[in-house]
């Protein structure tokens, strides 16, 4: 029976525990370049004892950014900007991960606290692309991608993975969730194509499988590859848990090491019932039915709660976001609450609860 603070082997690497940091957009980059904010934001989680620190959703091309202030990984400048962040995270004993994505029709938006939605090309934004010309809510309608452009996007994910390896990242996660481009192709709510990328399941999953297959060949064999999915759109006629399970089987066959199970984001009017651990059942279903490792997310806040998810076999790891923002040292304190002894940074040892 695994415990939250047991290590977990991931191909040729080992995470020191199963309490992991979810990707969290910070909207602080300039020209896609991370900076001192990202260094402190991600570095403090590694100091705080997380097993894996995942950098925010990072665009594989400039028009794939969620906002003009998102990070990128499409040239050598990004590699050099990410390198010190990665080095520090790894020096603290955590694995360093990066989520690679493309926002598609949900791109070119302002940071959420500005409340202005779409950023026009005149104000530093751009025209968006998607599988179809259907808009997301009140955002402008995107332009449907051509087959040639789709092939280029596959290549951009592959290039971004190579840059991520050059920067020193241990884990790459492909972002196929939350209504962004790869999820837009998966969901019939946003994919209205009638060619080889639209219609039946095998066509709608084609782009994601092409991306994963290409990245797995480029990404070093000893380094793990994750995929984040939205297990359901929470809308009748949308992407479903049953389709997610079948997709997860295919991902496992392509060499994906873990499926990170979230949900929603395809359409703005989905009725999502939230509560503690409300998405854990998705990770459990994928793990048991598709026989792949999973991470659980969604209002996981308490040490006993996270540990129960692991000990019961519902998932192999837990991903937390807001709770890490509230308490960057959550793993150090959670281990003490669970009666487990883990290493504290020597500079912080005087603060260990048992030393008071």
Protein backbone atom coordinates (compact mmCIF):
# COMPACT_ATOMS: atom_id res chain seq x y z
CA UNK A 1 0.00 0.00 0.00
CA UNK A 2 1.57 3.27 -1.14
CA UNK A 3 1.72 6.37 1.04
CA UNK A 4 1.64 10.04 0.00
CA UNK A 5 5.26 10.37 1.04
CA UNK A 6 6.53 7.23 -0.64
CA UNK A 7 8.77 7.86 -3.65
CA UNK A 8 7.49 6.92 -7.08
CA UNK A 9 9.61 5.72 -9.99
CA UNK A 10 8.93 7.41 -13.32
CA UNK A 11 10.96 5.70 -16.05
CA UNK A 12 14.58 6.50 -15.17
CA UNK A 13 13.71 9.13 -12.57
CA UNK A 14 12.18 9.04 -9.10
CA UNK A 15 9.96 11.65 -7.46
CA UNK A 16 10.65 11.86 -3.74
CA UNK A 17 6.93 11.88 -2.92
CA UNK A 18 3.50 12.06 -4.55
CA UNK A 19 2.47 15.57 -3.51
CA UNK A 20 2.92 17.52 -6.74
CA UNK A 21 2.42 21.11 -7.89
CA UNK A 22 -0.11 21.63 -10.68
CA UNK A 23 0.65 24.03 -13.53
CA UNK A 24 -0.59 27.52 -12.64
CA UNK A 25 -0.55 30.41 -15.12
CA UNK A 26 1.07 33.51 -13.64
CA UNK A 27 0.66 36.04 -16.48
CA UNK A 28 4.02 37.63 -15.70
CA UNK A 29 6.13 36.74 -18.74
CA UNK A 30 7.33 39.16 -21.41
CA UNK A 31 7.73 37.81 -24.97
CA UNK A 32 7.21 34.33 -23.51
CA UNK A 33 10.25 34.64 -21.24
CA UNK A 34 10.03 33.54 -17.60
CA UNK A 35 11.70 35.86 -15.10
CA UNK A 36 12.43 36.35 -11.40
CA UNK A 37 8.74 35.97 -10.55
CA UNK A 38 8.72 32.45 -12.00
CA UNK A 39 12.00 31.64 -10.26
CA UNK A 40 10.53 32.49 -6.86
CA UNK A 41 7.06 31.11 -7.61
CA UNK A 42 8.32 27.67 -8.64
CA UNK A 43 11.43 27.58 -6.48
CA UNK A 44 9.52 28.01 -3.21
CA UNK A 45 7.51 24.85 -3.90
CA UNK A 46 10.69 22.83 -4.34
CA UNK A 47 12.04 24.25 -1.08
CA UNK A 48 8.69 23.33 0.48
CA UNK A 49 9.14 19.64 -0.27
CA UNK A 50 7.01 18.97 -3.37
CA UNK A 51 7.94 15.83 -5.28
CA UNK A 52 7.31 17.39 -8.70
CA UNK A 53 7.04 21.08 -9.51
CA UNK A 54 5.20 21.64 -12.77
CA UNK A 55 5.68 24.95 -14.58
CA UNK A 56 2.66 26.72 -16.00
CA UNK A 57 1.07 25.96 -19.35
CA UNK A 58 3.78 27.07 -21.75
CA UNK A 59 3.00 27.80 -25.37
CA UNK A 60 4.68 26.01 -28.25
CA UNK A 61 4.25 29.09 -30.46
CA UNK A 62 3.47 32.75 -29.85
CA UNK A 63 -0.16 32.55 -31.02
CA UNK A 64 -0.67 29.54 -28.75
CA UNK A 65 -0.35 31.61 -25.58
CA UNK A 66 -3.43 31.99 -23.42
CA UNK A 67 -2.44 35.61 -22.93
CA UNK A 68 0.34 37.88 -24.23
CA UNK A 69 1.92 37.46 -20.77
CA UNK A 70 2.22 33.67 -20.84
CA UNK A 71 5.48 31.75 -20.97
CA UNK A 72 6.73 30.12 -24.14
CA UNK A 73 9.12 27.42 -25.33
CA UNK A 74 9.69 28.06 -29.00
CA UNK A 75 13.28 29.30 -29.26
CA UNK A 76 16.69 29.31 -27.59
CA UNK A 77 15.94 32.49 -25.64
CA UNK A 78 13.23 30.58 -23.77
CA UNK A 79 15.62 27.73 -23.05
CA UNK A 80 18.13 30.10 -21.45
CA UNK A 81 15.43 31.89 -19.44
CA UNK A 82 14.01 28.63 -18.08
CA UNK A 83 17.37 27.04 -17.29
CA UNK A 84 18.09 28.75 -13.92
CA UNK A 85 14.55 28.05 -12.72
CA UNK A 86 14.89 24.37 -13.57
CA UNK A 87 18.34 24.15 -12.01
CA UNK A 88 17.16 25.59 -8.70
CA UNK A 89 14.08 23.34 -8.51
CA UNK A 90 16.20 20.25 -9.13
CA UNK A 91 18.86 21.36 -6.65
CA UNK A 92 16.20 21.32 -3.93
CA UNK A 93 15.41 17.65 -4.63
CA UNK A 94 12.23 18.04 -6.67
CA UNK A 95 11.64 16.96 -10.24
CA UNK A 96 11.06 19.87 -12.63
CA UNK A 97 8.20 19.56 -15.08
CA UNK A 98 6.75 21.75 -17.81
CA UNK A 99 3.30 21.68 -19.37
CA UNK A 100 3.35 22.33 -23.11
CA UNK A 101 0.19 23.61 -24.72
CA UNK A 102 -1.59 25.69 -27.31
CA UNK A 103 -4.64 27.75 -26.37
CA UNK A 104 -6.37 27.66 -29.75
CA UNK A 105 -9.64 29.61 -29.66
CA UNK A 106 -9.08 30.56 -26.00
CA UNK A 107 -5.87 32.44 -26.78
CA UNK A 108 -5.09 36.17 -26.83
CA UNK A 109 -6.96 36.95 -23.61
CA UNK A 110 -6.01 39.26 -20.76
CA UNK A 111 -5.05 38.07 -17.27
CA UNK A 112 -8.28 37.18 -15.46
CA UNK A 113 -7.98 39.97 -12.89
CA UNK A 114 -8.13 42.60 -15.66
CA UNK A 115 -11.58 41.41 -16.71
CA UNK A 116 -11.33 42.61 -20.31
CA UNK A 117 -11.38 39.25 -22.06
CA UNK A 118 -10.00 39.22 -25.59
CA UNK A 119 -6.89 41.26 -26.39
CA UNK A 120 -7.19 42.67 -29.90
CA UNK A 121 -4.33 42.61 -32.41
CA UNK A 122 -4.14 46.40 -32.09
CA UNK A 123 -3.38 45.98 -28.37
CA UNK A 124 -0.80 43.23 -28.60
CA UNK A 125 -3.11 40.27 -29.21
CA UNK A 126 -3.72 38.20 -32.32
CA UNK A 127 -6.34 36.36 -34.34
CA UNK A 128 -6.96 32.88 -32.97
CA UNK A 129 -7.12 29.44 -34.58
CA UNK A 130 -9.04 26.26 -33.74
CA UNK A 131 -10.34 23.05 -35.32
CA UNK A 132 -13.48 24.92 -36.40
CA UNK A 133 -14.70 28.50 -36.60
CA UNK A 134 -16.97 28.12 -33.54
CA UNK A 135 -16.24 30.75 -30.88
CA UNK A 136 -15.77 30.18 -27.16
CA UNK A 137 -18.45 32.23 -25.44
CA UNK A 138 -18.06 35.92 -26.21
CA UNK A 139 -14.55 35.59 -27.61
CA UNK A 140 -14.10 36.26 -31.35
CA UNK A 141 -14.63 33.36 -33.72
CA UNK A 142 -11.33 31.64 -34.55
CA UNK A 143 -10.12 30.61 -37.97
CA UNK A 144 -10.26 26.89 -38.73
CA UNK A 145 -6.81 25.37 -39.14
CA UNK A 146 -5.74 23.79 -42.43
CA UNK A 147 -4.23 20.32 -42.57
CA UNK A 148 -0.82 21.86 -43.24
CA UNK A 149 -1.12 24.12 -40.21
CA UNK A 150 -2.14 21.18 -38.04
CA UNK A 151 0.97 19.29 -39.13
CA UNK A 152 3.09 22.30 -38.24
CA UNK A 153 1.53 22.47 -34.76
CA UNK A 154 2.50 18.82 -34.21
CA UNK A 155 6.05 19.75 -35.13
CA UNK A 156 5.99 22.75 -32.80
CA UNK A 157 5.14 20.47 -29.86
CA UNK A 158 8.06 18.24 -30.83
CA UNK A 159 10.42 21.23 -31.04
CA UNK A 160 9.16 22.53 -27.69
CA UNK A 161 9.88 19.16 -26.10
CA UNK A 162 13.44 19.27 -27.45
CA UNK A 163 13.89 22.79 -26.05
CA UNK A 164 12.47 21.60 -22.70
CA UNK A 165 15.05 18.84 -22.56
CA UNK A 166 17.78 21.34 -23.38
CA UNK A 167 16.58 23.54 -20.50
CA UNK A 168 16.91 20.55 -18.15
CA UNK A 169 13.29 19.67 -17.42
CA UNK A 170 12.66 16.16 -16.10
CA UNK A 171 9.01 15.82 -17.13
CA UNK A 172 6.95 17.09 -20.05
CA UNK A 173 3.17 17.19 -19.80
CA UNK A 174 1.10 17.69 -22.95
CA UNK A 175 -1.90 19.91 -22.20
CA UNK A 176 -4.94 18.18 -23.68
CA UNK A 177 -7.47 19.67 -21.25
CA UNK A 178 -9.44 22.75 -20.17
CA UNK A 179 -10.80 23.68 -23.58
CA UNK A 180 -7.44 24.50 -25.15
CA UNK A 181 -6.47 23.45 -28.66
CA UNK A 182 -5.87 19.71 -28.23
CA UNK A 183 -9.04 19.41 -26.15
CA UNK A 184 -10.87 21.48 -28.77
CA UNK A 185 -10.11 18.72 -31.27
CA UNK A 186 -11.25 16.02 -28.82
CA UNK A 187 -14.62 17.54 -28.00
CA UNK A 188 -17.54 17.46 -30.45
CA UNK A 189 -18.69 20.70 -28.83
CA UNK A 190 -15.80 22.56 -30.47
CA UNK A 191 -14.72 20.24 -33.29
CA UNK A 192 -17.14 20.42 -36.21
CA UNK A 193 -14.71 19.23 -38.86
CA UNK A 194 -15.71 16.64 -41.46
CA UNK A 195 -12.19 15.60 -42.49
CA UNK A 196 -9.78 13.14 -40.86
CA UNK A 197 -9.62 15.32 -37.73
CA UNK A 198 -13.36 15.46 -37.05
CA UNK A 199 -16.42 13.30 -36.54
CA UNK A 200 -15.83 9.87 -34.96
CA UNK A 201 -13.65 9.29 -31.92
CA UNK A 202 -10.66 8.00 -33.89
CA UNK A 203 -10.56 11.22 -35.93
CA UNK A 204 -11.00 13.61 -32.99
CA UNK A 205 -8.12 12.01 -31.05
CA UNK A 206 -5.80 12.01 -34.08
CA UNK A 207 -4.07 15.33 -33.37
CA UNK A 208 -3.37 14.54 -29.71
CA UNK A 209 -2.03 11.10 -30.60
CA UNK A 210 0.16 12.58 -33.34
CA UNK A 211 1.54 15.12 -30.86
CA UNK A 212 2.17 12.49 -28.18
CA UNK A 213 3.75 10.05 -30.62
CA UNK A 214 6.07 12.72 -31.99
CA UNK A 215 7.03 14.06 -28.58
CA UNK A 216 7.68 10.60 -27.16
CA UNK A 217 10.18 9.93 -29.97
CA UNK A 218 11.94 13.25 -29.32
CA UNK A 219 11.76 13.26 -25.52
CA UNK A 220 14.57 11.20 -23.90
CA UNK A 221 13.54 7.63 -23.16
CA UNK A 222 14.53 7.86 -19.50
CA UNK A 223 12.31 10.90 -18.90
CA UNK A 224 8.57 10.52 -18.21
CA UNK A 225 5.84 11.94 -20.42
CA UNK A 226 2.46 12.99 -18.99
CA UNK A 227 -0.79 14.09 -20.63
CA UNK A 228 -3.40 16.23 -18.89
CA UNK A 229 -6.97 15.55 -19.99
CA UNK A 230 -10.39 16.88 -19.19
CA UNK A 231 -12.12 13.62 -18.35
CA UNK A 232 -15.53 15.09 -19.13
CA UNK A 233 -16.96 18.29 -20.58
CA UNK A 234 -19.82 18.12 -18.03
CA UNK A 235 -22.23 18.60 -20.96
CA UNK A 236 -24.45 16.06 -22.72
CA UNK A 237 -23.01 15.37 -26.15
CA UNK A 238 -19.54 16.53 -25.15
CA UNK A 239 -16.35 14.63 -24.45
CA UNK A 240 -17.06 11.84 -21.97
CA UNK A 241 -15.32 9.77 -19.31
CA UNK A 242 -15.80 6.66 -21.45
CA UNK A 243 -13.91 8.34 -24.29
CA UNK A 244 -11.22 9.44 -21.82
CA UNK A 245 -10.67 5.85 -20.71
CA UNK A 246 -10.29 4.70 -24.31
CA UNK A 247 -7.97 7.60 -25.07
CA UNK A 248 -5.87 6.76 -22.00
CA UNK A 249 -5.39 3.20 -23.29
CA UNK A 250 -4.08 4.60 -26.57
CA UNK A 251 -1.82 7.06 -24.76
CA UNK A 252 -0.35 4.25 -22.68
CA UNK A 253 0.44 2.31 -25.85
CA UNK A 254 2.32 5.36 -27.17
CA UNK A 255 4.52 5.52 -24.09
CA UNK A 256 2.69 8.02 -21.88
CA UNK A 257 3.66 7.35 -18.28
CA UNK A 258 0.86 9.15 -16.45
CA UNK A 259 -2.53 10.69 -17.26
CA UNK A 260 -3.31 13.81 -15.24
CA UNK A 261 -7.10 13.79 -14.85
CA UNK A 262 -8.90 17.12 -14.67
CA UNK A 263 -12.21 18.15 -16.33
CA UNK A 264 -14.21 20.89 -18.00
CA UNK A 265 -13.23 23.99 -19.94
CA UNK A 266 -14.66 23.14 -23.35
CA UNK A 267 -17.64 25.50 -23.12
CA UNK A 268 -18.39 28.40 -20.76
CA UNK A 269 -21.84 27.26 -19.65
CA UNK A 270 -21.08 23.77 -18.32
CA UNK A 271 -22.73 22.98 -14.98
CA UNK A 272 -19.93 21.62 -12.80
CA UNK A 273 -20.71 20.36 -9.31
CA UNK A 274 -17.62 20.94 -7.19
CA UNK A 275 -16.55 19.83 -3.74
CA UNK A 276 -13.61 18.21 -1.99
CA UNK A 277 -12.00 15.56 -4.22
CA UNK A 278 -14.74 16.06 -6.83
CA UNK A 279 -12.50 14.96 -9.71
CA UNK A 280 -10.73 12.06 -8.01
CA UNK A 281 -13.21 9.56 -9.44
CA UNK A 282 -11.97 10.38 -12.93
CA UNK A 283 -8.41 9.44 -12.01
CA UNK A 284 -9.66 6.28 -10.34
CA UNK A 285 -11.68 5.22 -13.39
CA UNK A 286 -8.82 5.85 -15.81
CA UNK A 287 -6.31 4.06 -13.58
CA UNK A 288 -8.46 0.97 -13.12
CA UNK A 289 -9.99 0.68 -16.59
CA UNK A 290 -7.16 1.87 -18.83
CA UNK A 291 -4.43 0.45 -16.59
CA UNK A 292 -2.26 3.56 -16.68
CA UNK A 293 -0.87 5.61 -13.83
CA UNK A 294 -2.86 8.72 -12.96
CA UNK A 295 -2.70 11.93 -10.97
CA UNK A 296 -5.79 13.26 -9.19
CA UNK A 297 -6.70 16.96 -8.94
CA UNK A 298 -9.53 19.12 -7.67
CA UNK A 299 -10.01 20.64 -4.19
CA UNK A 300 -7.47 18.39 -2.54
CA UNK A 301 -6.35 20.38 0.49
CA UNK A 302 -5.92 18.19 3.59
CA UNK A 303 -3.02 15.81 4.28
CA UNK A 304 -5.33 12.94 5.31
CA UNK A 305 -7.38 13.51 2.14
CA UNK A 306 -4.37 13.39 -0.17
CA UNK A 307 -2.96 10.35 1.62
CA UNK A 308 -6.28 8.49 1.41
CA UNK A 309 -6.33 8.98 -2.37
CA UNK A 310 -2.93 7.34 -2.64
CA UNK A 311 -3.44 4.59 -0.05
CA UNK A 312 -6.77 3.54 -1.55
CA UNK A 313 -5.20 3.24 -4.99
CA UNK A 314 -7.46 5.84 -6.59
CA UNK A 315 -4.45 7.61 -8.09
CA UNK A 316 -0.67 7.41 -8.04
CA UNK A 317 -0.09 11.08 -7.21
CA UNK A 318 -2.05 14.18 -6.26
CA UNK A 319 -1.71 17.53 -8.02
CA UNK A 320 -2.54 20.64 -6.01
CA UNK A 321 -2.64 24.27 -7.12
CA UNK A 322 -4.45 26.76 -4.87
CA UNK A 323 -3.42 24.91 -1.72
CA UNK A 324 0.23 25.35 -2.70
CA UNK A 325 -0.39 29.05 -3.27
CA UNK A 326 -1.80 29.28 0.24
CA UNK A 327 0.94 27.13 1.75
CA UNK A 328 4.08 26.65 -0.38
CA UNK A 329 5.53 24.38 2.33
CA UNK A 330 2.47 22.12 2.38
CA UNK A 331 4.45 18.85 2.01
CA UNK A 332 6.75 19.64 4.94
CA UNK A 333 3.81 20.36 7.23
CA UNK A 334 1.63 17.55 5.82
CA UNK A 335 4.32 14.96 6.50
CA UNK A 336 4.51 16.04 10.13
CA UNK A 337 0.71 15.85 10.45
CA UNK A 338 0.75 12.34 8.98
CA UNK A 339 3.54 11.25 11.30
CA UNK A 340 6.14 10.86 8.56
CA UNK A 341 9.70 12.11 8.83
CA UNK A 342 11.05 13.76 5.69
CA UNK A 343 14.10 15.91 5.07
CA UNK A 344 13.72 19.63 5.60
CA UNK A 345 16.13 22.09 3.99
CA UNK A 346 18.94 22.52 6.47
CA UNK A 347 18.26 26.25 6.53
CA UNK A 348 14.69 25.53 7.74
CA UNK A 349 15.32 22.68 10.19
CA UNK A 350 14.88 24.94 13.20
CA UNK A 351 11.22 25.33 12.20
CA UNK A 352 10.34 21.63 12.12
CA UNK A 353 7.32 21.06 14.40
CA UNK A 354 9.11 18.32 16.38
CA UNK A 355 11.93 20.79 17.20
CA UNK A 356 9.74 23.39 18.88
